[in-house]
Amino acid sequence: MSSIAIVGAGPGLGAAVARRFGREGFDVALFARDRERLDALVRDLGEAGVVARGFVADVRRPEELARALQRAADEVGTVEVLQYSPVPHRDFMRSVLDTGHRELVGPIEFSVYGPVAAVQQVLPGMRRLGRGTILFVNGGTAAVPHTERAGTSIAFAAETAYGHLLHERLAREGIHVAQLVIPGAITTGHARKDPAVLAETLWGLHRDRRGFRHFADDLDS
């Protein structure tokens, strides 16, 4: 049995992706810092017929995240799809001139150490399966740096480089790595950025396995 692991799960995009992949027969492992939030999400998904379990983990604590992913593999099933999509903290959004080296610790932990730890944990299982998908979900500063959002601009650039290297290296092993850039806010009812629409896009990236970088909408949206 295999599963999808959604790191940074919430009631918007995370829940929508869980429902979309659940319809395809995936069991779902959800990761977030808040146990009550996770339990509520698991209940809602269960009512929709999706088999899901929640695991508490902070992406800024790589060892904790790796242990949680191991528990998920043991309890839910080998992770065939990893989605890394936690929402960045507001204090990462500082002007470049107000961003010193200490202000970059959080963004780098969040967008580099976290995804590296997650990938390293699930990759052996994907290799045993002979297939897998790794999905990175980022905001628009991953593609166009913004002077007033230096933390995410710098850290997303590093995460993008890591993802692209994985894309090139793992394709030969049947493991697809892709990035979805979502400019602006995820918006209920939006033609391209509604959570259900984005979940369908992410399902398509897993299914079609073409290219690394994809955009949910125009960058100036």
N, C-alpha and C. Protein backbone atom coordinates (compact mmCIF):
# COMPACT_ATOMS: atom_id res chain seq x y z
N MET A 1 0.84 -1.19 0.00
CA MET A 1 0.00 0.00 0.00
C MET A 1 0.88 1.24 0.00
N SER A 2 0.51 2.26 -0.78
CA SER A 2 1.27 3.51 -0.83
C SER A 2 0.38 4.67 -0.45
N SER A 3 1.01 5.80 -0.20
CA SER A 3 0.27 6.95 0.32
C SER A 3 0.83 8.23 -0.25
N ILE A 4 0.09 9.32 -0.02
CA ILE A 4 0.59 10.66 -0.27
C ILE A 4 0.84 11.32 1.07
N ALA A 5 1.99 11.96 1.21
CA ALA A 5 2.33 12.73 2.41
C ALA A 5 2.23 14.21 2.05
N ILE A 6 1.40 14.94 2.79
CA ILE A 6 1.21 16.36 2.54
C ILE A 6 1.81 17.12 3.72
N VAL A 7 2.95 17.73 3.50
CA VAL A 7 3.66 18.45 4.54
C VAL A 7 3.22 19.92 4.49
N GLY A 8 2.63 20.38 5.58
CA GLY A 8 2.05 21.71 5.62
C GLY A 8 0.56 21.64 5.31
N ALA A 9 -0.11 20.64 5.88
CA ALA A 9 -1.52 20.41 5.56
C ALA A 9 -2.43 21.36 6.33
N GLY A 10 -3.42 21.89 5.64
CA GLY A 10 -4.41 22.76 6.25
C GLY A 10 -5.75 22.56 5.59
N PRO A 11 -6.74 23.34 5.99
CA PRO A 11 -8.11 23.15 5.47
C PRO A 11 -8.30 23.64 4.04
N GLY A 12 -7.31 24.33 3.46
CA GLY A 12 -7.43 24.82 2.10
C GLY A 12 -6.81 23.87 1.10
N LEU A 13 -5.61 24.20 0.66
CA LEU A 13 -4.95 23.39 -0.37
C LEU A 13 -4.68 21.97 0.10
N GLY A 14 -4.18 21.81 1.32
CA GLY A 14 -3.87 20.47 1.81
C GLY A 14 -5.08 19.56 1.79
N ALA A 15 -6.21 20.07 2.29
CA ALA A 15 -7.43 19.26 2.30
C ALA A 15 -7.90 18.94 0.89
N ALA A 16 -7.80 19.92 -0.01
CA ALA A 16 -8.23 19.70 -1.39
C ALA A 16 -7.37 18.64 -2.07
N VAL A 17 -6.07 18.69 -1.84
CA VAL A 17 -5.18 17.68 -2.43
C VAL A 17 -5.48 16.30 -1.84
N ALA A 18 -5.71 16.26 -0.53
CA ALA A 18 -6.05 14.98 0.11
C ALA A 18 -7.30 14.37 -0.51
N ARG A 19 -8.32 15.20 -0.75
CA ARG A 19 -9.55 14.69 -1.36
C ARG A 19 -9.29 14.21 -2.79
N ARG A 20 -8.50 14.99 -3.55
CA ARG A 20 -8.26 14.64 -4.95
C ARG A 20 -7.50 13.32 -5.07
N PHE A 21 -6.44 13.18 -4.30
CA PHE A 21 -5.67 11.95 -4.36
C PHE A 21 -6.43 10.80 -3.70
N GLY A 22 -7.22 11.12 -2.67
CA GLY A 22 -8.04 10.09 -2.05
C GLY A 22 -9.01 9.46 -3.02
N ARG A 23 -9.55 10.26 -3.93
CA ARG A 23 -10.47 9.73 -4.94
C ARG A 23 -9.77 8.72 -5.86
N GLU A 24 -8.46 8.84 -5.95
CA GLU A 24 -7.69 7.92 -6.79
C GLU A 24 -7.19 6.71 -6.01
N GLY A 25 -7.63 6.58 -4.77
CA GLY A 25 -7.27 5.41 -3.98
C GLY A 25 -6.08 5.58 -3.06
N PHE A 26 -5.53 6.80 -2.98
CA PHE A 26 -4.41 7.03 -2.08
C PHE A 26 -4.89 7.17 -0.64
N ASP A 27 -4.18 6.55 0.29
CA ASP A 27 -4.32 6.92 1.68
C ASP A 27 -3.47 8.17 1.91
N VAL A 28 -3.81 8.94 2.93
CA VAL A 28 -3.23 10.27 3.09
C VAL A 28 -2.59 10.42 4.47
N ALA A 29 -1.35 10.93 4.47
CA ALA A 29 -0.67 11.30 5.71
C ALA A 29 -0.51 12.82 5.71
N LEU A 30 -1.02 13.45 6.76
CA LEU A 30 -1.03 14.91 6.87
C LEU A 30 -0.04 15.35 7.96
N PHE A 31 0.70 16.41 7.66
CA PHE A 31 1.72 16.89 8.60
C PHE A 31 1.51 18.37 8.87
N ALA A 32 1.44 18.72 10.15
CA ALA A 32 1.32 20.11 10.57
C ALA A 32 1.74 20.20 12.03
N ARG A 33 1.84 21.41 12.55
CA ARG A 33 2.31 21.58 13.93
C ARG A 33 1.20 21.44 14.96
N ASP A 34 -0.05 21.63 14.55
CA ASP A 34 -1.17 21.73 15.48
C ASP A 34 -1.99 20.43 15.47
N ARG A 35 -1.99 19.71 16.60
CA ARG A 35 -2.71 18.45 16.68
C ARG A 35 -4.22 18.62 16.51
N GLU A 36 -4.80 19.63 17.13
CA GLU A 36 -6.25 19.83 17.01
C GLU A 36 -6.65 20.11 15.57
N ARG A 37 -5.85 20.91 14.90
CA ARG A 37 -6.12 21.21 13.49
C ARG A 37 -6.05 19.95 12.64
N LEU A 38 -5.05 19.13 12.91
CA LEU A 38 -4.91 17.88 12.18
C LEU A 38 -6.09 16.95 12.43
N ASP A 39 -6.49 16.83 13.70
CA ASP A 39 -7.60 15.93 14.03
C ASP A 39 -8.88 16.37 13.34
N ALA A 40 -9.12 17.68 13.30
CA ALA A 40 -10.33 18.18 12.64
C ALA A 40 -10.28 17.88 11.15
N LEU A 41 -9.12 18.03 10.55
CA LEU A 41 -8.97 17.77 9.13
C LEU A 41 -9.16 16.29 8.81
N VAL A 42 -8.61 15.42 9.67
CA VAL A 42 -8.77 13.98 9.48
C VAL A 42 -10.25 13.59 9.58
N ARG A 43 -10.97 14.20 10.53
CA ARG A 43 -12.41 13.91 10.66
C ARG A 43 -13.17 14.33 9.40
N ASP A 44 -12.87 15.53 8.91
CA ASP A 44 -13.57 16.02 7.72
C ASP A 44 -13.29 15.12 6.52
N LEU A 45 -12.05 14.72 6.36
CA LEU A 45 -11.70 13.86 5.24
C LEU A 45 -12.35 12.49 5.37
N GLY A 46 -12.41 11.98 6.60
CA GLY A 46 -13.05 10.70 6.82
C GLY A 46 -14.51 10.72 6.42
N GLU A 47 -15.19 11.84 6.71
CA GLU A 47 -16.59 11.97 6.32
C GLU A 47 -16.75 11.99 4.81
N ALA A 48 -15.68 12.39 4.11
CA ALA A 48 -15.70 12.40 2.65
C ALA A 48 -15.19 11.09 2.05
N GLY A 49 -14.91 10.12 2.92
CA GLY A 49 -14.48 8.82 2.45
C GLY A 49 -13.00 8.68 2.20
N VAL A 50 -12.20 9.64 2.69
CA VAL A 50 -10.75 9.59 2.49
C VAL A 50 -10.08 9.03 3.73
N VAL A 51 -9.25 8.02 3.56
CA VAL A 51 -8.49 7.45 4.67
C VAL A 51 -7.29 8.36 4.95
N ALA A 52 -7.27 8.97 6.12
CA ALA A 52 -6.22 9.94 6.43
C ALA A 52 -5.80 9.81 7.89
N ARG A 53 -4.54 10.14 8.13
CA ARG A 53 -4.02 10.22 9.50
C ARG A 53 -3.16 11.46 9.61
N GLY A 54 -3.14 12.04 10.80
CA GLY A 54 -2.37 13.25 11.03
C GLY A 54 -1.14 12.99 11.86
N PHE A 55 -0.06 13.70 11.55
CA PHE A 55 1.21 13.55 12.26
C PHE A 55 1.75 14.94 12.59
N VAL A 56 2.04 15.16 13.85
CA VAL A 56 2.54 16.46 14.28
C VAL A 56 4.02 16.57 13.95
N ALA A 57 4.39 17.64 13.28
CA ALA A 57 5.80 17.87 12.95
C ALA A 57 5.99 19.33 12.58
N ASP A 58 7.14 19.86 12.95
CA ASP A 58 7.54 21.23 12.61
C ASP A 58 8.62 21.13 11.53
N VAL A 59 8.38 21.73 10.37
CA VAL A 59 9.34 21.60 9.27
C VAL A 59 10.67 22.26 9.59
N ARG A 60 10.70 23.14 10.61
CA ARG A 60 11.96 23.77 10.99
C ARG A 60 12.77 22.89 11.94
N ARG A 61 12.27 21.70 12.21
CA ARG A 61 12.99 20.70 13.00
C ARG A 61 13.13 19.45 12.13
N PRO A 62 14.18 19.39 11.33
CA PRO A 62 14.29 18.34 10.31
C PRO A 62 14.21 16.91 10.87
N GLU A 63 14.85 16.67 12.02
CA GLU A 63 14.82 15.32 12.58
C GLU A 63 13.40 14.95 12.99
N GLU A 64 12.66 15.91 13.53
CA GLU A 64 11.28 15.67 13.93
C GLU A 64 10.42 15.34 12.71
N LEU A 65 10.61 16.08 11.64
CA LEU A 65 9.86 15.83 10.41
C LEU A 65 10.20 14.46 9.85
N ALA A 66 11.48 14.09 9.85
CA ALA A 66 11.88 12.78 9.33
C ALA A 66 11.25 11.66 10.15
N ARG A 67 11.24 11.80 11.47
CA ARG A 67 10.63 10.76 12.31
C ARG A 67 9.13 10.64 12.03
N ALA A 68 8.46 11.77 11.85
CA ALA A 68 7.03 11.74 11.56
C ALA A 68 6.76 11.06 10.23
N LEU A 69 7.58 11.33 9.23
CA LEU A 69 7.41 10.68 7.93
C LEU A 69 7.66 9.18 8.02
N GLN A 70 8.58 8.77 8.87
CA GLN A 70 8.81 7.33 9.07
C GLN A 70 7.59 6.68 9.71
N ARG A 71 7.01 7.35 10.72
CA ARG A 71 5.80 6.81 11.35
C ARG A 71 4.68 6.69 10.32
N ALA A 72 4.56 7.69 9.46
CA ALA A 72 3.51 7.66 8.44
C ALA A 72 3.69 6.48 7.50
N ALA A 73 4.92 6.24 7.08
CA ALA A 73 5.19 5.10 6.19
C ALA A 73 4.83 3.79 6.87
N ASP A 74 5.11 3.69 8.17
CA ASP A 74 4.81 2.47 8.91
C ASP A 74 3.31 2.28 9.10
N GLU A 75 2.59 3.39 9.31
CA GLU A 75 1.18 3.29 9.70
C GLU A 75 0.20 3.47 8.53
N VAL A 76 0.59 4.26 7.53
CA VAL A 76 -0.32 4.57 6.43
C VAL A 76 0.10 3.85 5.15
N GLY A 77 1.39 3.69 4.94
CA GLY A 77 1.89 3.04 3.74
C GLY A 77 3.05 3.81 3.16
N THR A 78 3.88 3.13 2.39
CA THR A 78 5.04 3.76 1.77
C THR A 78 4.63 5.03 1.04
N VAL A 79 5.38 6.10 1.25
CA VAL A 79 5.06 7.38 0.61
C VAL A 79 5.44 7.32 -0.85
N GLU A 80 4.42 7.32 -1.70
CA GLU A 80 4.65 7.35 -3.14
C GLU A 80 4.67 8.78 -3.67
N VAL A 81 3.90 9.67 -3.02
CA VAL A 81 3.86 11.08 -3.41
C VAL A 81 4.14 11.93 -2.18
N LEU A 82 5.10 12.83 -2.31
CA LEU A 82 5.40 13.79 -1.27
C LEU A 82 5.07 15.17 -1.78
N GLN A 83 4.21 15.88 -1.07
CA GLN A 83 3.94 17.29 -1.39
C GLN A 83 4.48 18.13 -0.24
N TYR A 84 5.39 19.06 -0.58
CA TYR A 84 5.95 19.96 0.42
C TYR A 84 5.37 21.34 0.17
N SER A 85 4.44 21.76 1.05
CA SER A 85 3.70 23.00 0.78
C SER A 85 3.33 23.78 2.04
N PRO A 86 4.21 23.86 3.04
CA PRO A 86 3.85 24.68 4.20
C PRO A 86 3.80 26.16 3.83
N VAL A 87 2.96 26.92 4.52
CA VAL A 87 2.82 28.35 4.25
C VAL A 87 3.90 29.11 5.03
N PRO A 88 4.71 29.93 4.36
CA PRO A 88 5.78 30.66 5.05
C PRO A 88 5.25 31.60 6.12
N HIS A 89 6.06 31.81 7.14
CA HIS A 89 5.70 32.74 8.22
C HIS A 89 5.74 34.18 7.70
N ARG A 90 4.91 35.01 8.29
CA ARG A 90 4.88 36.42 7.88
C ARG A 90 6.21 37.13 8.15
N ASP A 91 6.92 36.70 9.20
CA ASP A 91 8.17 37.41 9.52
C ASP A 91 9.29 37.06 8.55
N PHE A 92 9.03 36.18 7.56
CA PHE A 92 10.00 35.96 6.50
C PHE A 92 9.92 37.07 5.44
N MET A 93 8.85 37.85 5.51
CA MET A 93 8.57 38.84 4.46
C MET A 93 9.14 40.21 4.85
N ARG A 94 10.45 40.31 4.95
CA ARG A 94 11.11 41.56 5.30
C ARG A 94 11.79 42.16 4.07
N SER A 95 11.96 43.47 4.13
CA SER A 95 12.72 44.14 3.09
C SER A 95 14.15 43.60 3.06
N VAL A 96 14.74 43.58 1.88
CA VAL A 96 16.10 43.07 1.75
C VAL A 96 17.08 43.86 2.61
N LEU A 97 16.84 45.15 2.78
CA LEU A 97 17.76 45.96 3.60
C LEU A 97 17.55 45.75 5.08
N ASP A 98 16.45 45.13 5.46
CA ASP A 98 16.18 44.82 6.86
C ASP A 98 16.42 43.34 7.17
N THR A 99 17.01 42.64 6.21
CA THR A 99 17.23 41.21 6.36
C THR A 99 18.72 40.94 6.53
N GLY A 100 19.08 40.61 7.77
CA GLY A 100 20.44 40.21 8.05
C GLY A 100 20.57 38.70 8.07
N HIS A 101 21.73 38.21 8.43
CA HIS A 101 21.93 36.76 8.39
C HIS A 101 21.03 36.03 9.38
N ARG A 102 20.75 36.65 10.53
CA ARG A 102 19.88 36.00 11.50
C ARG A 102 18.45 35.89 10.98
N GLU A 103 18.02 36.86 10.21
CA GLU A 103 16.65 36.83 9.66
C GLU A 103 16.49 35.77 8.56
N LEU A 104 17.60 35.23 8.08
CA LEU A 104 17.52 34.20 7.05
C LEU A 104 17.52 32.78 7.63
N VAL A 105 17.77 32.67 8.92
CA VAL A 105 17.80 31.33 9.53
C VAL A 105 16.45 30.63 9.37
N GLY A 106 15.37 31.33 9.73
CA GLY A 106 14.03 30.74 9.64
C GLY A 106 13.65 30.33 8.23
N PRO A 107 13.77 31.25 7.26
CA PRO A 107 13.43 30.86 5.88
C PRO A 107 14.24 29.69 5.35
N ILE A 108 15.53 29.64 5.68
CA ILE A 108 16.36 28.54 5.19
C ILE A 108 15.96 27.23 5.86
N GLU A 109 15.69 27.27 7.17
CA GLU A 109 15.21 26.06 7.84
C GLU A 109 13.91 25.58 7.19
N PHE A 110 13.04 26.52 6.90
CA PHE A 110 11.70 26.24 6.39
C PHE A 110 11.72 25.69 4.97
N SER A 111 12.54 26.30 4.11
CA SER A 111 12.48 26.01 2.68
C SER A 111 13.66 25.22 2.14
N VAL A 112 14.64 24.94 2.99
CA VAL A 112 15.78 24.13 2.54
C VAL A 112 15.95 22.90 3.45
N TYR A 113 16.18 23.12 4.74
CA TYR A 113 16.40 21.98 5.63
C TYR A 113 15.16 21.08 5.68
N GLY A 114 13.98 21.68 5.73
CA GLY A 114 12.75 20.90 5.80
C GLY A 114 12.55 20.01 4.59
N PRO A 115 12.56 20.57 3.37
CA PRO A 115 12.36 19.71 2.21
C PRO A 115 13.47 18.69 2.00
N VAL A 116 14.72 19.06 2.31
CA VAL A 116 15.80 18.09 2.16
C VAL A 116 15.58 16.91 3.11
N ALA A 117 15.21 17.20 4.36
CA ALA A 117 14.96 16.13 5.32
C ALA A 117 13.80 15.25 4.86
N ALA A 118 12.75 15.88 4.34
CA ALA A 118 11.58 15.12 3.89
C ALA A 118 11.93 14.21 2.72
N VAL A 119 12.63 14.75 1.75
CA VAL A 119 12.99 13.96 0.57
C VAL A 119 13.90 12.80 0.95
N GLN A 120 14.89 13.07 1.76
CA GLN A 120 15.82 12.02 2.15
C GLN A 120 15.10 10.89 2.90
N GLN A 121 14.06 11.24 3.63
CA GLN A 121 13.33 10.23 4.38
C GLN A 121 12.46 9.35 3.49
N VAL A 122 11.81 9.94 2.49
CA VAL A 122 10.86 9.16 1.68
C VAL A 122 11.51 8.52 0.46
N LEU A 123 12.66 8.99 0.06
CA LEU A 123 13.27 8.50 -1.19
C LEU A 123 13.56 7.00 -1.19
N PRO A 124 14.08 6.42 -0.12
CA PRO A 124 14.30 4.96 -0.16
C PRO A 124 13.03 4.16 -0.44
N GLY A 125 11.91 4.60 0.13
CA GLY A 125 10.65 3.92 -0.13
C GLY A 125 10.21 4.04 -1.56
N MET A 126 10.37 5.22 -2.14
CA MET A 126 10.02 5.41 -3.55
C MET A 126 10.90 4.52 -4.43
N ARG A 127 12.15 4.41 -4.09
CA ARG A 127 13.05 3.56 -4.87
C ARG A 127 12.63 2.10 -4.78
N ARG A 128 12.18 1.67 -3.61
CA ARG A 128 11.69 0.29 -3.48
C ARG A 128 10.45 0.07 -4.33
N LEU A 129 9.57 1.09 -4.37
CA LEU A 129 8.37 0.99 -5.19
C LEU A 129 8.70 1.02 -6.69
N GLY A 130 9.81 1.68 -7.02
CA GLY A 130 10.15 1.86 -8.42
C GLY A 130 9.41 3.01 -9.07
N ARG A 131 8.83 3.86 -8.25
CA ARG A 131 8.08 5.02 -8.75
C ARG A 131 7.89 6.00 -7.61
N GLY A 132 7.52 7.24 -7.98
CA GLY A 132 7.24 8.25 -6.96
C GLY A 132 7.14 9.63 -7.59
N THR A 133 6.57 10.54 -6.81
CA THR A 133 6.45 11.94 -7.24
C THR A 133 6.75 12.83 -6.05
N ILE A 134 7.54 13.86 -6.29
CA ILE A 134 7.84 14.86 -5.28
C ILE A 134 7.37 16.20 -5.81
N LEU A 135 6.47 16.85 -5.08
CA LEU A 135 5.86 18.10 -5.52
C LEU A 135 6.24 19.22 -4.55
N PHE A 136 6.87 20.25 -5.07
CA PHE A 136 7.18 21.45 -4.30
C PHE A 136 6.17 22.53 -4.68
N VAL A 137 5.54 23.13 -3.70
CA VAL A 137 4.57 24.20 -3.94
C VAL A 137 5.13 25.49 -3.34
N ASN A 138 5.28 26.52 -4.18
CA ASN A 138 5.90 27.77 -3.74
C ASN A 138 5.09 28.97 -4.21
N GLY A 139 5.34 30.10 -3.55
CA GLY A 139 4.75 31.36 -3.99
C GLY A 139 5.53 31.98 -5.14
N GLY A 140 5.03 33.12 -5.60
CA GLY A 140 5.60 33.77 -6.77
C GLY A 140 7.04 34.21 -6.63
N THR A 141 7.51 34.46 -5.38
CA THR A 141 8.90 34.88 -5.21
C THR A 141 9.89 33.77 -5.53
N ALA A 142 9.40 32.55 -5.71
CA ALA A 142 10.28 31.48 -6.17
C ALA A 142 10.75 31.74 -7.60
N ALA A 143 9.93 32.48 -8.35
CA ALA A 143 10.25 32.76 -9.76
C ALA A 143 10.76 34.18 -9.96
N VAL A 144 10.18 35.14 -9.22
CA VAL A 144 10.56 36.55 -9.35
C VAL A 144 10.85 37.10 -7.95
N PRO A 145 12.12 37.31 -7.58
CA PRO A 145 12.44 37.84 -6.26
C PRO A 145 11.80 39.21 -6.04
N HIS A 146 11.43 39.47 -4.77
CA HIS A 146 10.75 40.71 -4.42
C HIS A 146 11.56 41.39 -3.32
N THR A 147 11.88 42.67 -3.50
CA THR A 147 12.73 43.38 -2.54
C THR A 147 12.13 43.47 -1.15
N GLU A 148 10.79 43.37 -1.03
CA GLU A 148 10.14 43.46 0.26
C GLU A 148 9.84 42.08 0.87
N ARG A 149 10.26 41.04 0.17
CA ARG A 149 10.04 39.67 0.67
C ARG A 149 11.34 38.89 0.52
N ALA A 150 12.36 39.41 1.15
CA ALA A 150 13.70 38.85 0.92
C ALA A 150 13.83 37.42 1.42
N GLY A 151 13.23 37.12 2.56
CA GLY A 151 13.38 35.78 3.13
C GLY A 151 12.89 34.69 2.20
N THR A 152 11.65 34.84 1.72
CA THR A 152 11.13 33.81 0.81
C THR A 152 11.84 33.87 -0.54
N SER A 153 12.18 35.06 -1.01
CA SER A 153 12.87 35.17 -2.30
C SER A 153 14.18 34.37 -2.29
N ILE A 154 14.94 34.50 -1.22
CA ILE A 154 16.23 33.82 -1.12
C ILE A 154 16.04 32.33 -0.87
N ALA A 155 15.17 31.99 0.10
CA ALA A 155 15.01 30.58 0.47
C ALA A 155 14.29 29.79 -0.62
N PHE A 156 13.28 30.39 -1.26
CA PHE A 156 12.60 29.69 -2.36
C PHE A 156 13.54 29.44 -3.52
N ALA A 157 14.48 30.37 -3.75
CA ALA A 157 15.46 30.16 -4.82
C ALA A 157 16.30 28.92 -4.53
N ALA A 158 16.70 28.75 -3.27
CA ALA A 158 17.47 27.57 -2.90
C ALA A 158 16.63 26.31 -3.01
N GLU A 159 15.37 26.38 -2.57
CA GLU A 159 14.48 25.22 -2.67
C GLU A 159 14.25 24.84 -4.14
N THR A 160 14.11 25.85 -4.99
CA THR A 160 13.93 25.60 -6.41
C THR A 160 15.15 24.90 -7.00
N ALA A 161 16.34 25.37 -6.64
CA ALA A 161 17.56 24.74 -7.15
C ALA A 161 17.63 23.28 -6.71
N TYR A 162 17.31 23.03 -5.46
CA TYR A 162 17.32 21.66 -4.94
C TYR A 162 16.32 20.80 -5.72
N GLY A 163 15.12 21.30 -5.89
CA GLY A 163 14.11 20.55 -6.62
C GLY A 163 14.52 20.26 -8.05
N HIS A 164 15.11 21.25 -8.71
CA HIS A 164 15.51 21.05 -10.10
C HIS A 164 16.62 20.01 -10.20
N LEU A 165 17.55 20.02 -9.26
CA LEU A 165 18.60 19.00 -9.25
C LEU A 165 18.01 17.61 -9.05
N LEU A 166 17.03 17.50 -8.15
CA LEU A 166 16.36 16.22 -7.96
C LEU A 166 15.64 15.78 -9.24
N HIS A 167 14.98 16.73 -9.88
CA HIS A 167 14.26 16.43 -11.12
C HIS A 167 15.20 15.81 -12.15
N GLU A 168 16.37 16.39 -12.29
CA GLU A 168 17.31 15.88 -13.28
C GLU A 168 17.89 14.52 -12.88
N ARG A 169 18.14 14.35 -11.60
CA ARG A 169 18.80 13.12 -11.14
C ARG A 169 17.86 11.93 -11.01
N LEU A 170 16.62 12.16 -10.60
CA LEU A 170 15.74 11.05 -10.26
C LEU A 170 14.86 10.57 -11.41
N ALA A 171 14.79 11.33 -12.49
CA ALA A 171 13.94 10.94 -13.61
C ALA A 171 14.30 9.55 -14.12
N ARG A 172 15.58 9.24 -14.12
CA ARG A 172 16.03 7.93 -14.64
C ARG A 172 15.56 6.78 -13.75
N GLU A 173 15.11 7.11 -12.53
CA GLU A 173 14.65 6.07 -11.60
C GLU A 173 13.13 5.99 -11.53
N GLY A 174 12.45 6.72 -12.41
CA GLY A 174 11.00 6.69 -12.39
C GLY A 174 10.37 7.56 -11.32
N ILE A 175 11.16 8.48 -10.77
CA ILE A 175 10.66 9.39 -9.73
C ILE A 175 10.61 10.79 -10.32
N HIS A 176 9.42 11.34 -10.38
CA HIS A 176 9.20 12.65 -10.99
C HIS A 176 9.21 13.74 -9.93
N VAL A 177 9.92 14.82 -10.19
CA VAL A 177 9.99 15.96 -9.28
C VAL A 177 9.50 17.19 -10.02
N ALA A 178 8.55 17.91 -9.42
CA ALA A 178 7.97 19.09 -10.07
C ALA A 178 7.72 20.18 -9.05
N GLN A 179 7.65 21.39 -9.55
CA GLN A 179 7.35 22.57 -8.72
C GLN A 179 6.14 23.27 -9.30
N LEU A 180 5.20 23.62 -8.41
CA LEU A 180 4.08 24.46 -8.80
C LEU A 180 4.23 25.81 -8.12
N VAL A 181 4.35 26.86 -8.92
CA VAL A 181 4.45 28.22 -8.42
C VAL A 181 3.05 28.84 -8.44
N ILE A 182 2.61 29.32 -7.27
CA ILE A 182 1.28 29.93 -7.16
C ILE A 182 1.47 31.41 -6.87
N PRO A 183 1.36 32.28 -7.87
CA PRO A 183 1.50 33.72 -7.63
C PRO A 183 0.31 34.24 -6.82
N GLY A 184 0.59 35.12 -5.87
CA GLY A 184 -0.50 35.70 -5.09
C GLY A 184 -1.13 34.69 -4.16
N ALA A 185 -2.34 34.99 -3.72
CA ALA A 185 -3.01 34.18 -2.71
C ALA A 185 -3.85 33.06 -3.33
N ILE A 186 -3.92 31.94 -2.63
CA ILE A 186 -4.89 30.90 -2.96
C ILE A 186 -6.27 31.46 -2.62
N THR A 187 -7.20 31.42 -3.58
CA THR A 187 -8.47 32.13 -3.43
C THR A 187 -9.63 31.23 -3.80
N THR A 188 -10.51 31.00 -2.84
CA THR A 188 -11.70 30.19 -3.12
C THR A 188 -12.54 30.85 -4.21
N GLY A 189 -12.93 30.08 -5.19
CA GLY A 189 -13.73 30.58 -6.30
C GLY A 189 -12.94 31.10 -7.48
N HIS A 190 -11.62 31.26 -7.31
CA HIS A 190 -10.77 31.74 -8.41
C HIS A 190 -10.67 30.66 -9.48
N ALA A 191 -10.66 31.08 -10.74
CA ALA A 191 -10.66 30.12 -11.85
C ALA A 191 -9.42 29.23 -11.86
N ARG A 192 -8.29 29.76 -11.38
CA ARG A 192 -7.05 28.99 -11.43
C ARG A 192 -6.43 28.75 -10.07
N LYS A 193 -6.85 29.53 -9.05
CA LYS A 193 -6.20 29.41 -7.74
C LYS A 193 -7.15 28.99 -6.62
N ASP A 194 -8.31 28.49 -6.98
CA ASP A 194 -9.18 27.85 -6.00
C ASP A 194 -8.48 26.57 -5.52
N PRO A 195 -8.59 26.21 -4.24
CA PRO A 195 -7.90 25.01 -3.76
C PRO A 195 -8.22 23.75 -4.56
N ALA A 196 -9.47 23.55 -4.93
CA ALA A 196 -9.82 22.35 -5.70
C ALA A 196 -9.18 22.37 -7.09
N VAL A 197 -9.09 23.55 -7.69
CA VAL A 197 -8.46 23.67 -9.00
C VAL A 197 -6.97 23.39 -8.89
N LEU A 198 -6.34 23.93 -7.86
CA LEU A 198 -4.91 23.67 -7.65
C LEU A 198 -4.65 22.19 -7.36
N ALA A 199 -5.56 21.58 -6.62
CA ALA A 199 -5.41 20.15 -6.34
C ALA A 199 -5.47 19.34 -7.64
N GLU A 200 -6.35 19.74 -8.54
CA GLU A 200 -6.43 19.07 -9.84
C GLU A 200 -5.14 19.28 -10.63
N THR A 201 -4.58 20.49 -10.54
CA THR A 201 -3.30 20.77 -11.21
C THR A 201 -2.20 19.87 -10.66
N LEU A 202 -2.15 19.73 -9.34
CA LEU A 202 -1.12 18.90 -8.73
C LEU A 202 -1.32 17.42 -9.08
N TRP A 203 -2.57 16.99 -9.14
CA TRP A 203 -2.81 15.63 -9.59
C TRP A 203 -2.29 15.45 -11.03
N GLY A 204 -2.52 16.45 -11.86
CA GLY A 204 -2.04 16.38 -13.24
C GLY A 204 -0.52 16.31 -13.31
N LEU A 205 0.17 17.03 -12.43
CA LEU A 205 1.63 16.96 -12.43
C LEU A 205 2.10 15.56 -12.06
N HIS A 206 1.43 14.95 -11.12
CA HIS A 206 1.77 13.57 -10.74
C HIS A 206 1.46 12.61 -11.89
N ARG A 207 0.34 12.80 -12.52
CA ARG A 207 -0.10 11.87 -13.57
C ARG A 207 0.71 12.02 -14.85
N ASP A 208 0.92 13.27 -15.28
CA ASP A 208 1.51 13.50 -16.61
C ASP A 208 3.03 13.47 -16.60
N ARG A 209 3.66 13.86 -15.48
CA ARG A 209 5.11 13.70 -15.30
C ARG A 209 5.91 14.40 -16.38
N ARG A 210 5.58 15.68 -16.63
CA ARG A 210 6.28 16.46 -17.66
C ARG A 210 6.88 17.72 -17.05
N GLY A 211 8.16 17.90 -17.21
CA GLY A 211 8.81 19.15 -16.84
C GLY A 211 8.91 19.37 -15.34
N PHE A 212 9.71 20.36 -14.98
CA PHE A 212 9.91 20.67 -13.56
C PHE A 212 9.02 21.82 -13.10
N ARG A 213 9.16 22.99 -13.67
CA ARG A 213 8.45 24.18 -13.15
C ARG A 213 7.14 24.41 -13.88
N HIS A 214 6.10 24.66 -13.11
CA HIS A 214 4.78 24.93 -13.65
C HIS A 214 4.18 26.11 -12.87
N PHE A 215 3.31 26.85 -13.54
CA PHE A 215 2.70 28.03 -12.92
C PHE A 215 1.19 27.84 -12.84
N ALA A 216 0.65 28.14 -11.65
CA ALA A 216 -0.79 28.06 -11.48
C ALA A 216 -1.52 29.21 -12.15
N ASP A 217 -0.84 30.34 -12.29
CA ASP A 217 -1.46 31.53 -12.88
C ASP A 217 -0.34 32.44 -13.38
N ASP A 218 -0.73 33.53 -14.04
CA ASP A 218 0.25 34.51 -14.51
C ASP A 218 0.97 35.12 -13.31
N LEU A 219 2.22 35.44 -13.48
CA LEU A 219 3.03 35.94 -12.36
C LEU A 219 2.54 37.29 -11.83
N ASP A 220 1.88 38.07 -12.65
CA ASP A 220 1.41 39.37 -12.18
C ASP A 220 -0.01 39.29 -11.62
N SER A 221 -0.50 38.09 -11.39
CA SER A 221 -1.88 37.94 -10.89
C SER A 221 -1.94 38.20 -9.40
